[in-house]
N, C-alpha and C. Protein backbone atom coordinates (compact mmCIF):
# COMPACT_ATOMS: atom_id res chain seq x y z
N UNK A 1 14.07 10.38 -15.87
CA UNK A 1 13.10 9.31 -15.80
C UNK A 1 12.22 9.54 -14.56
N UNK A 2 10.93 9.30 -14.69
CA UNK A 2 10.03 9.56 -13.57
C UNK A 2 10.22 8.54 -12.45
N UNK A 3 9.83 8.96 -11.25
CA UNK A 3 9.96 8.11 -10.06
C UNK A 3 9.16 6.82 -10.24
N UNK A 4 7.96 6.94 -10.83
CA UNK A 4 7.10 5.78 -11.02
C UNK A 4 7.74 4.71 -11.89
N UNK A 5 8.37 5.13 -12.97
CA UNK A 5 9.01 4.18 -13.89
C UNK A 5 10.20 3.50 -13.21
N UNK A 6 11.01 4.30 -12.53
CA UNK A 6 12.19 3.74 -11.84
C UNK A 6 11.75 2.78 -10.74
N UNK A 7 10.75 3.19 -9.94
CA UNK A 7 10.25 2.35 -8.86
C UNK A 7 9.68 1.05 -9.42
N UNK A 8 8.99 1.14 -10.53
CA UNK A 8 8.40 -0.05 -11.15
C UNK A 8 9.49 -1.03 -11.59
N UNK A 9 10.56 -0.52 -12.15
CA UNK A 9 11.65 -1.39 -12.61
C UNK A 9 12.36 -2.09 -11.44
N UNK A 10 12.63 -1.33 -10.38
CA UNK A 10 13.26 -1.93 -9.20
C UNK A 10 12.33 -2.97 -8.56
N UNK A 11 11.04 -2.66 -8.49
CA UNK A 11 10.08 -3.58 -7.89
C UNK A 11 10.00 -4.86 -8.71
N UNK A 12 9.97 -4.74 -10.03
CA UNK A 12 9.91 -5.93 -10.89
C UNK A 12 11.16 -6.78 -10.71
N UNK A 13 12.31 -6.13 -10.64
CA UNK A 13 13.56 -6.87 -10.42
C UNK A 13 13.54 -7.59 -9.08
N UNK A 14 13.03 -6.92 -8.05
CA UNK A 14 12.96 -7.54 -6.73
C UNK A 14 11.99 -8.71 -6.72
N UNK A 15 10.88 -8.58 -7.40
CA UNK A 15 9.93 -9.71 -7.49
C UNK A 15 10.58 -10.89 -8.19
N UNK A 16 11.26 -10.61 -9.30
CA UNK A 16 11.93 -11.70 -10.03
C UNK A 16 12.98 -12.38 -9.17
N UNK A 17 13.77 -11.59 -8.44
CA UNK A 17 14.79 -12.15 -7.56
C UNK A 17 14.17 -12.97 -6.44
N UNK A 18 13.09 -12.43 -5.84
CA UNK A 18 12.43 -13.13 -4.74
C UNK A 18 11.81 -14.45 -5.21
N UNK A 19 11.25 -14.45 -6.42
CA UNK A 19 10.69 -15.70 -6.98
C UNK A 19 11.81 -16.71 -7.23
N UNK A 20 12.92 -16.22 -7.75
CA UNK A 20 14.06 -17.09 -8.03
C UNK A 20 14.61 -17.74 -6.76
N UNK A 21 14.63 -16.96 -5.66
CA UNK A 21 15.15 -17.45 -4.39
C UNK A 21 14.08 -18.11 -3.51
N UNK A 22 12.83 -18.18 -4.02
CA UNK A 22 11.70 -18.76 -3.27
C UNK A 22 11.44 -18.07 -1.93
N UNK A 23 11.51 -16.74 -1.93
CA UNK A 23 11.24 -15.98 -0.70
C UNK A 23 10.24 -14.85 -0.97
N UNK A 24 9.39 -15.03 -1.95
CA UNK A 24 8.46 -13.97 -2.33
C UNK A 24 7.53 -13.58 -1.18
N UNK A 25 7.02 -14.57 -0.45
CA UNK A 25 6.10 -14.29 0.66
C UNK A 25 6.81 -13.55 1.79
N UNK A 26 8.07 -13.85 2.01
CA UNK A 26 8.84 -13.17 3.05
C UNK A 26 9.13 -11.73 2.63
N UNK A 27 9.48 -11.54 1.37
CA UNK A 27 9.83 -10.22 0.87
C UNK A 27 8.61 -9.29 0.87
N UNK A 28 7.43 -9.80 0.57
CA UNK A 28 6.24 -8.95 0.60
C UNK A 28 6.00 -8.45 2.02
N UNK A 29 6.21 -9.31 2.99
CA UNK A 29 6.04 -8.88 4.39
C UNK A 29 7.10 -7.84 4.76
N UNK A 30 8.32 -8.01 4.24
CA UNK A 30 9.39 -7.04 4.49
C UNK A 30 9.06 -5.68 3.87
N UNK A 31 8.51 -5.68 2.67
CA UNK A 31 8.14 -4.43 2.01
C UNK A 31 6.99 -3.75 2.75
N UNK A 32 6.06 -4.53 3.26
CA UNK A 32 4.97 -3.97 4.06
C UNK A 32 5.53 -3.38 5.36
N UNK A 33 6.50 -4.06 5.95
CA UNK A 33 7.15 -3.56 7.16
C UNK A 33 7.84 -2.23 6.87
N UNK A 34 8.59 -2.17 5.77
CA UNK A 34 9.27 -0.93 5.41
C UNK A 34 8.26 0.19 5.19
N UNK A 35 7.22 -0.09 4.43
CA UNK A 35 6.21 0.92 4.12
C UNK A 35 5.52 1.41 5.39
N UNK A 36 5.20 0.49 6.28
CA UNK A 36 4.56 0.84 7.54
C UNK A 36 5.49 1.70 8.40
N UNK A 37 6.75 1.33 8.46
CA UNK A 37 7.74 2.09 9.22
C UNK A 37 7.92 3.49 8.63
N UNK A 38 8.01 3.57 7.32
CA UNK A 38 8.18 4.87 6.66
C UNK A 38 6.95 5.76 6.85
N UNK A 39 5.75 5.16 6.81
CA UNK A 39 4.52 5.93 7.00
C UNK A 39 4.40 6.46 8.43
N UNK A 40 4.84 5.65 9.39
CA UNK A 40 4.69 6.05 10.79
C UNK A 40 5.84 6.93 11.27
N UNK A 41 6.96 6.92 10.55
CA UNK A 41 8.13 7.68 10.98
C UNK A 41 8.54 8.66 9.88
N UNK A 42 8.00 9.85 9.96
CA UNK A 42 8.26 10.88 8.96
C UNK A 42 9.76 11.19 8.87
N UNK A 43 10.45 11.13 9.99
CA UNK A 43 11.87 11.45 10.03
C UNK A 43 12.71 10.51 9.17
N UNK A 44 12.29 9.25 9.08
CA UNK A 44 13.03 8.28 8.26
C UNK A 44 13.04 8.71 6.80
N UNK A 45 11.86 9.02 6.26
CA UNK A 45 11.81 9.41 4.86
C UNK A 45 12.45 10.78 4.62
N UNK A 46 12.36 11.67 5.61
CA UNK A 46 13.04 12.96 5.47
C UNK A 46 14.55 12.76 5.38
N UNK A 47 15.08 11.86 6.21
CA UNK A 47 16.52 11.57 6.18
C UNK A 47 16.90 10.93 4.85
N UNK A 48 16.09 9.98 4.37
CA UNK A 48 16.41 9.29 3.12
C UNK A 48 16.32 10.22 1.91
N UNK A 49 15.45 11.21 1.99
CA UNK A 49 15.27 12.13 0.86
C UNK A 49 16.19 13.35 0.94
N UNK A 50 16.85 13.53 2.06
CA UNK A 50 17.67 14.71 2.26
C UNK A 50 18.96 14.65 1.43
N UNK A 51 19.25 15.70 0.68
CA UNK A 51 20.51 15.74 -0.07
C UNK A 51 21.71 16.05 0.83
N UNK A 52 21.43 16.51 2.06
CA UNK A 52 22.50 16.86 2.99
C UNK A 52 23.08 15.61 3.65
N UNK A 53 22.24 14.62 3.92
CA UNK A 53 22.69 13.38 4.59
C UNK A 53 23.43 12.53 3.57
N UNK A 54 24.63 12.12 3.95
CA UNK A 54 25.47 11.32 3.04
C UNK A 54 24.87 9.92 2.86
N UNK A 55 25.17 9.33 1.73
CA UNK A 55 24.62 8.01 1.38
C UNK A 55 25.07 6.92 2.35
N UNK A 56 26.30 7.03 2.86
CA UNK A 56 26.78 6.05 3.83
C UNK A 56 25.94 6.11 5.11
N UNK A 57 25.60 7.32 5.52
CA UNK A 57 24.78 7.51 6.72
C UNK A 57 23.37 6.94 6.49
N UNK A 58 22.82 7.14 5.30
CA UNK A 58 21.50 6.60 4.97
C UNK A 58 21.52 5.07 5.01
N UNK A 59 22.59 4.49 4.48
CA UNK A 59 22.71 3.04 4.51
C UNK A 59 22.84 2.54 5.95
N UNK A 60 23.57 3.28 6.78
CA UNK A 60 23.69 2.91 8.20
C UNK A 60 22.34 2.98 8.91
N UNK A 61 21.53 3.97 8.56
CA UNK A 61 20.18 4.07 9.14
C UNK A 61 19.35 2.85 8.75
N UNK A 62 19.37 2.52 7.46
CA UNK A 62 18.62 1.35 6.97
C UNK A 62 19.15 0.06 7.60
N UNK A 63 20.46 -0.01 7.74
CA UNK A 63 21.07 -1.20 8.35
C UNK A 63 20.62 -1.35 9.80
N UNK A 64 20.64 -0.27 10.55
CA UNK A 64 20.24 -0.32 11.96
C UNK A 64 18.77 -0.69 12.11
N UNK A 65 17.94 -0.19 11.22
CA UNK A 65 16.50 -0.44 11.34
C UNK A 65 16.07 -1.79 10.80
N UNK A 66 16.69 -2.24 9.70
CA UNK A 66 16.11 -3.38 8.98
C UNK A 66 16.99 -4.60 8.80
N UNK A 67 18.28 -4.51 8.97
CA UNK A 67 19.14 -5.65 8.63
C UNK A 67 18.77 -6.92 9.39
N UNK A 68 18.46 -6.79 10.68
CA UNK A 68 18.13 -7.97 11.48
C UNK A 68 16.66 -8.34 11.39
N UNK A 69 15.83 -7.48 10.80
CA UNK A 69 14.39 -7.70 10.77
C UNK A 69 13.86 -8.20 9.43
N UNK A 70 14.67 -8.10 8.38
CA UNK A 70 14.20 -8.49 7.05
C UNK A 70 15.10 -9.56 6.44
N UNK A 71 14.59 -10.20 5.42
CA UNK A 71 15.32 -11.23 4.69
C UNK A 71 16.52 -10.60 3.96
N UNK A 72 17.60 -11.36 3.79
CA UNK A 72 18.76 -10.81 3.06
C UNK A 72 18.42 -10.32 1.65
N UNK A 73 17.45 -10.93 0.99
CA UNK A 73 17.05 -10.47 -0.35
C UNK A 73 16.45 -9.07 -0.25
N UNK A 74 15.60 -8.85 0.75
CA UNK A 74 15.00 -7.52 0.94
C UNK A 74 16.06 -6.50 1.31
N UNK A 75 16.97 -6.89 2.19
CA UNK A 75 18.01 -5.95 2.60
C UNK A 75 18.94 -5.62 1.44
N UNK A 76 19.16 -6.58 0.55
CA UNK A 76 20.06 -6.33 -0.59
C UNK A 76 19.52 -5.21 -1.48
N UNK A 77 18.18 -5.12 -1.61
CA UNK A 77 17.63 -4.04 -2.44
C UNK A 77 17.89 -2.68 -1.79
N UNK A 78 17.88 -2.65 -0.44
CA UNK A 78 18.19 -1.39 0.25
C UNK A 78 19.62 -0.96 -0.05
N UNK A 79 20.54 -1.90 -0.01
CA UNK A 79 21.95 -1.54 -0.25
C UNK A 79 22.18 -1.15 -1.71
N UNK A 80 21.55 -1.88 -2.63
CA UNK A 80 21.72 -1.56 -4.06
C UNK A 80 21.17 -0.17 -4.35
N UNK A 81 19.98 0.11 -3.85
CA UNK A 81 19.35 1.41 -4.11
C UNK A 81 20.15 2.54 -3.49
N UNK A 82 20.69 2.31 -2.30
CA UNK A 82 21.50 3.34 -1.66
C UNK A 82 22.79 3.58 -2.44
N UNK A 83 23.41 2.53 -2.93
CA UNK A 83 24.64 2.69 -3.72
C UNK A 83 24.36 3.41 -5.05
N UNK A 84 23.14 3.29 -5.55
CA UNK A 84 22.74 3.97 -6.80
C UNK A 84 22.19 5.37 -6.52
N UNK A 85 22.25 5.81 -5.25
CA UNK A 85 21.77 7.13 -4.84
C UNK A 85 20.27 7.32 -5.12
N UNK A 86 19.49 6.27 -4.92
CA UNK A 86 18.04 6.33 -5.16
C UNK A 86 17.23 6.06 -3.89
N UNK A 87 17.85 6.20 -2.73
CA UNK A 87 17.15 5.89 -1.48
C UNK A 87 15.93 6.77 -1.24
N UNK A 88 15.86 7.89 -1.91
CA UNK A 88 14.71 8.79 -1.73
C UNK A 88 13.42 8.21 -2.29
N UNK A 89 13.54 7.18 -3.13
CA UNK A 89 12.33 6.58 -3.71
C UNK A 89 12.04 5.19 -3.14
N UNK A 90 12.66 4.85 -2.03
CA UNK A 90 12.42 3.54 -1.43
C UNK A 90 10.94 3.31 -1.10
N UNK A 91 10.26 4.35 -0.63
CA UNK A 91 8.83 4.18 -0.32
C UNK A 91 8.02 3.92 -1.58
N UNK A 92 8.38 4.57 -2.69
CA UNK A 92 7.70 4.34 -3.96
C UNK A 92 7.98 2.93 -4.48
N UNK A 93 9.20 2.45 -4.26
CA UNK A 93 9.54 1.09 -4.67
C UNK A 93 8.75 0.08 -3.85
N UNK A 94 8.62 0.32 -2.55
CA UNK A 94 7.83 -0.59 -1.70
C UNK A 94 6.37 -0.58 -2.13
N UNK A 95 5.82 0.59 -2.44
CA UNK A 95 4.43 0.67 -2.93
C UNK A 95 4.27 -0.11 -4.23
N UNK A 96 5.19 0.10 -5.13
CA UNK A 96 5.11 -0.56 -6.44
C UNK A 96 5.29 -2.07 -6.29
N UNK A 97 6.17 -2.50 -5.39
CA UNK A 97 6.36 -3.93 -5.15
C UNK A 97 5.06 -4.55 -4.66
N UNK A 98 4.40 -3.91 -3.71
CA UNK A 98 3.14 -4.43 -3.17
C UNK A 98 2.09 -4.49 -4.28
N UNK A 99 2.04 -3.47 -5.11
CA UNK A 99 1.08 -3.44 -6.22
C UNK A 99 1.35 -4.58 -7.21
N UNK A 100 2.61 -4.76 -7.60
CA UNK A 100 2.95 -5.82 -8.55
C UNK A 100 2.74 -7.20 -7.94
N UNK A 101 3.02 -7.35 -6.65
CA UNK A 101 2.78 -8.62 -5.96
C UNK A 101 1.29 -8.96 -6.01
N UNK A 102 0.45 -7.97 -5.70
CA UNK A 102 -0.99 -8.20 -5.71
C UNK A 102 -1.48 -8.59 -7.11
N UNK A 103 -0.95 -7.96 -8.14
CA UNK A 103 -1.30 -8.32 -9.51
C UNK A 103 -0.86 -9.76 -9.81
N UNK A 104 0.34 -10.11 -9.41
CA UNK A 104 0.88 -11.45 -9.64
C UNK A 104 0.04 -12.52 -8.96
N UNK A 105 -0.41 -12.23 -7.74
CA UNK A 105 -1.19 -13.20 -6.96
C UNK A 105 -2.69 -13.10 -7.23
N UNK A 106 -3.12 -12.14 -8.04
CA UNK A 106 -4.55 -11.98 -8.33
C UNK A 106 -5.34 -11.44 -7.16
N UNK A 107 -4.71 -10.55 -6.40
CA UNK A 107 -5.35 -9.95 -5.23
C UNK A 107 -5.78 -8.54 -5.60
N UNK A 108 -7.01 -8.21 -5.24
CA UNK A 108 -7.54 -6.88 -5.51
C UNK A 108 -7.80 -6.19 -4.18
N UNK A 109 -7.36 -4.95 -4.07
CA UNK A 109 -7.54 -4.20 -2.83
C UNK A 109 -8.84 -3.40 -2.93
N UNK A 110 -9.69 -3.56 -1.93
CA UNK A 110 -10.94 -2.81 -1.85
C UNK A 110 -10.97 -2.10 -0.51
N UNK A 111 -11.58 -0.91 -0.50
CA UNK A 111 -11.70 -0.14 0.73
C UNK A 111 -13.17 0.10 1.00
N UNK A 112 -13.59 -0.19 2.21
CA UNK A 112 -14.96 0.09 2.63
C UNK A 112 -14.91 1.07 3.80
N UNK A 113 -15.68 2.14 3.66
CA UNK A 113 -15.73 3.17 4.69
C UNK A 113 -17.13 3.14 5.29
N UNK A 114 -17.19 2.96 6.61
CA UNK A 114 -18.46 2.89 7.31
C UNK A 114 -18.43 3.79 8.54
N UNK A 115 -19.57 3.88 9.20
CA UNK A 115 -19.63 4.69 10.42
C UNK A 115 -19.21 3.90 11.65
N UNK A 116 -19.35 2.58 11.58
CA UNK A 116 -18.98 1.70 12.69
C UNK A 116 -18.16 0.54 12.14
N UNK A 117 -17.41 -0.16 12.99
CA UNK A 117 -16.65 -1.31 12.51
C UNK A 117 -17.57 -2.39 11.93
N UNK A 118 -17.08 -3.08 10.90
CA UNK A 118 -17.86 -4.13 10.26
C UNK A 118 -17.94 -5.37 11.13
N UNK A 119 -19.07 -6.04 11.08
CA UNK A 119 -19.18 -7.34 11.72
C UNK A 119 -18.55 -8.36 10.78
N UNK A 120 -18.30 -9.53 11.29
CA UNK A 120 -17.70 -10.58 10.46
C UNK A 120 -18.61 -10.94 9.29
N UNK A 121 -19.92 -10.95 9.53
CA UNK A 121 -20.88 -11.28 8.47
C UNK A 121 -20.86 -10.24 7.36
N UNK A 122 -20.84 -8.95 7.73
CA UNK A 122 -20.78 -7.89 6.72
C UNK A 122 -19.46 -7.93 5.95
N UNK A 123 -18.38 -8.22 6.65
CA UNK A 123 -17.08 -8.33 6.01
C UNK A 123 -17.10 -9.41 4.93
N UNK A 124 -17.70 -10.55 5.26
CA UNK A 124 -17.81 -11.65 4.29
C UNK A 124 -18.69 -11.25 3.11
N UNK A 125 -19.78 -10.52 3.38
CA UNK A 125 -20.66 -10.08 2.30
C UNK A 125 -19.93 -9.14 1.34
N UNK A 126 -19.19 -8.16 1.88
CA UNK A 126 -18.42 -7.26 1.02
C UNK A 126 -17.39 -8.04 0.21
N UNK A 127 -16.69 -8.96 0.87
CA UNK A 127 -15.71 -9.78 0.15
C UNK A 127 -16.36 -10.56 -0.97
N UNK A 128 -17.49 -11.20 -0.69
CA UNK A 128 -18.18 -12.00 -1.71
C UNK A 128 -18.68 -11.15 -2.86
N UNK A 129 -19.24 -9.99 -2.57
CA UNK A 129 -19.76 -9.11 -3.62
C UNK A 129 -18.64 -8.68 -4.57
N UNK A 130 -17.54 -8.22 -4.00
CA UNK A 130 -16.44 -7.74 -4.84
C UNK A 130 -15.75 -8.90 -5.55
N UNK A 131 -15.58 -10.03 -4.87
CA UNK A 131 -14.94 -11.19 -5.50
C UNK A 131 -15.78 -11.71 -6.66
N UNK A 132 -17.08 -11.74 -6.50
CA UNK A 132 -17.97 -12.20 -7.56
C UNK A 132 -17.92 -11.25 -8.76
N UNK A 133 -17.91 -9.96 -8.48
CA UNK A 133 -17.89 -8.96 -9.56
C UNK A 133 -16.57 -8.93 -10.32
N UNK A 134 -15.46 -9.18 -9.62
CA UNK A 134 -14.15 -9.04 -10.25
C UNK A 134 -13.49 -10.37 -10.60
N UNK A 135 -13.87 -11.43 -9.90
CA UNK A 135 -13.23 -12.72 -10.12
C UNK A 135 -11.85 -12.83 -9.50
N UNK A 136 -11.54 -11.95 -8.57
CA UNK A 136 -10.24 -11.97 -7.91
C UNK A 136 -10.39 -12.13 -6.41
N UNK A 137 -9.29 -12.50 -5.77
CA UNK A 137 -9.26 -12.56 -4.31
C UNK A 137 -9.22 -11.14 -3.77
N UNK A 138 -9.92 -10.89 -2.70
CA UNK A 138 -10.07 -9.53 -2.20
C UNK A 138 -9.30 -9.34 -0.89
N UNK A 139 -8.63 -8.20 -0.81
CA UNK A 139 -8.01 -7.75 0.43
C UNK A 139 -8.77 -6.51 0.85
N UNK A 140 -9.61 -6.65 1.87
CA UNK A 140 -10.51 -5.58 2.27
C UNK A 140 -9.88 -4.70 3.34
N UNK A 141 -9.82 -3.41 3.05
CA UNK A 141 -9.34 -2.44 4.02
C UNK A 141 -10.56 -1.71 4.58
N UNK A 142 -10.61 -1.60 5.89
CA UNK A 142 -11.77 -0.98 6.53
C UNK A 142 -11.37 0.36 7.14
N UNK A 143 -12.20 1.36 6.90
CA UNK A 143 -11.99 2.68 7.50
C UNK A 143 -13.30 3.12 8.14
N UNK A 144 -13.19 3.90 9.18
CA UNK A 144 -14.37 4.40 9.88
C UNK A 144 -14.43 5.91 9.74
N UNK A 145 -15.59 6.42 9.31
CA UNK A 145 -15.81 7.85 9.15
C UNK A 145 -17.19 8.20 9.71
N UNK A 146 -17.24 8.75 10.92
CA UNK A 146 -18.54 9.06 11.53
C UNK A 146 -19.34 10.12 10.77
N UNK A 147 -18.69 10.87 9.88
CA UNK A 147 -19.38 11.90 9.10
C UNK A 147 -20.37 11.31 8.10
N UNK A 148 -20.25 10.02 7.80
CA UNK A 148 -21.15 9.40 6.84
C UNK A 148 -22.58 9.29 7.37
N UNK A 149 -22.75 9.34 8.65
CA UNK A 149 -24.03 9.21 9.36
C UNK A 149 -24.53 7.77 9.31
N UNK A 150 -24.55 7.16 8.16
CA UNK A 150 -24.99 5.77 8.00
C UNK A 150 -24.61 5.29 6.62
N UNK A 151 -24.77 4.00 6.36
CA UNK A 151 -24.43 3.44 5.05
C UNK A 151 -22.95 3.16 4.91
N UNK A 152 -22.47 3.17 3.66
CA UNK A 152 -21.06 2.84 3.39
C UNK A 152 -20.61 3.46 2.08
N UNK A 153 -19.30 3.51 1.91
CA UNK A 153 -18.66 3.84 0.63
C UNK A 153 -17.71 2.70 0.33
N UNK A 154 -17.85 2.11 -0.85
CA UNK A 154 -16.99 1.00 -1.27
C UNK A 154 -16.17 1.46 -2.45
N UNK A 155 -14.83 1.35 -2.33
CA UNK A 155 -13.92 1.73 -3.41
C UNK A 155 -13.14 0.51 -3.86
N UNK A 156 -13.16 0.27 -5.17
CA UNK A 156 -12.38 -0.79 -5.78
C UNK A 156 -11.70 -0.17 -7.00
N UNK A 157 -10.37 -0.12 -6.96
CA UNK A 157 -9.59 0.57 -8.00
C UNK A 157 -10.11 1.99 -8.18
N UNK A 158 -10.58 2.33 -9.37
CA UNK A 158 -11.05 3.69 -9.62
C UNK A 158 -12.57 3.80 -9.58
N UNK A 159 -13.24 2.76 -9.09
CA UNK A 159 -14.69 2.78 -8.97
C UNK A 159 -15.10 2.99 -7.52
N UNK A 160 -16.23 3.67 -7.36
CA UNK A 160 -16.71 3.94 -6.02
C UNK A 160 -18.23 3.80 -5.99
N UNK A 161 -18.72 3.10 -4.98
CA UNK A 161 -20.16 3.00 -4.73
C UNK A 161 -20.41 3.76 -3.44
N UNK A 162 -21.18 4.83 -3.55
CA UNK A 162 -21.47 5.66 -2.38
C UNK A 162 -22.91 5.42 -1.94
N UNK A 163 -23.08 4.58 -0.96
CA UNK A 163 -24.40 4.28 -0.41
C UNK A 163 -24.50 4.84 1.00
N UNK A 164 -23.92 6.04 1.19
CA UNK A 164 -23.93 6.64 2.52
C UNK A 164 -25.13 7.55 2.67
N UNK A 165 -25.56 7.70 3.89
CA UNK A 165 -26.68 8.57 4.20
C UNK A 165 -26.32 10.03 3.92
N UNK A 166 -25.07 10.40 4.14
CA UNK A 166 -24.62 11.76 3.88
C UNK A 166 -24.80 12.12 2.41
N UNK A 167 -24.42 11.22 1.49
CA UNK A 167 -24.56 11.52 0.06
C UNK A 167 -26.03 11.59 -0.34
N UNK A 168 -26.86 10.75 0.26
CA UNK A 168 -28.31 10.79 -0.05
C UNK A 168 -28.92 12.11 0.43
N UNK A 169 -28.49 12.56 1.62
CA UNK A 169 -28.99 13.84 2.12
C UNK A 169 -28.54 15.01 1.25
N UNK A 170 -27.31 14.94 0.76
CA UNK A 170 -26.80 15.98 -0.14
C UNK A 170 -27.59 16.00 -1.45
N UNK A 171 -27.92 14.81 -1.98
CA UNK A 171 -28.71 14.73 -3.20
C UNK A 171 -30.09 15.34 -2.97
N UNK A 172 -30.71 15.03 -1.84
CA UNK A 172 -32.02 15.56 -1.51
C UNK A 172 -31.96 17.09 -1.37
N UNK A 173 -30.92 17.56 -0.75
CA UNK A 173 -30.73 19.01 -0.59
C UNK A 173 -30.63 19.70 -1.94
N UNK A 174 -29.87 19.11 -2.88
CA UNK A 174 -29.75 19.68 -4.23
C UNK A 174 -31.09 19.69 -4.95
N UNK A 175 -31.88 18.61 -4.76
CA UNK A 175 -33.19 18.55 -5.42
C UNK A 175 -34.12 19.63 -4.85
N UNK A 176 -34.05 19.87 -3.54
CA UNK A 176 -34.89 20.89 -2.94
C UNK A 176 -34.49 22.30 -3.37
N UNK A 177 -33.20 22.53 -3.53
CA UNK A 177 -32.71 23.83 -3.95
C UNK A 177 -33.14 24.11 -5.39
N UNK A 178 -33.12 23.09 -6.23
CA UNK A 178 -33.50 23.26 -7.63
C UNK A 178 -35.01 23.30 -7.73
């Protein structure tokens, strides 16, 4: 079975459990914490994915890092997954949980890439544009890329609007070459 399918099933089960226990908002923060920790600490995921490290040791690592920092419902998924020898996909489960949570809450993730940080007014404009177009609440992620020279790139799901000066210059260059 593929990692995506397994991660999706565990994430759905965790969402159902969190809703049942009325701790969904706490668990989403715990999954974001785990994902952030895993992204910033390459050694953690290497240890969890290693076939050489015993499962008890992996559970001890998770216990030391997260038992006192996360809700018991969130920690229970770590223990269950470790006992099922699936700790190598914990990051995929956290990703899938966040994705399913956003779908459940009607939140859409959009990314805007600019050359400079957005002002509050521009941030509101991007939020309003995407919210109006999609009818969903927007979670805007901002990235800075000085290579754009000017303008912006807006990504929503699999759609992209490239209004950057770099892309316009490339288009002009192609027209001149032809």
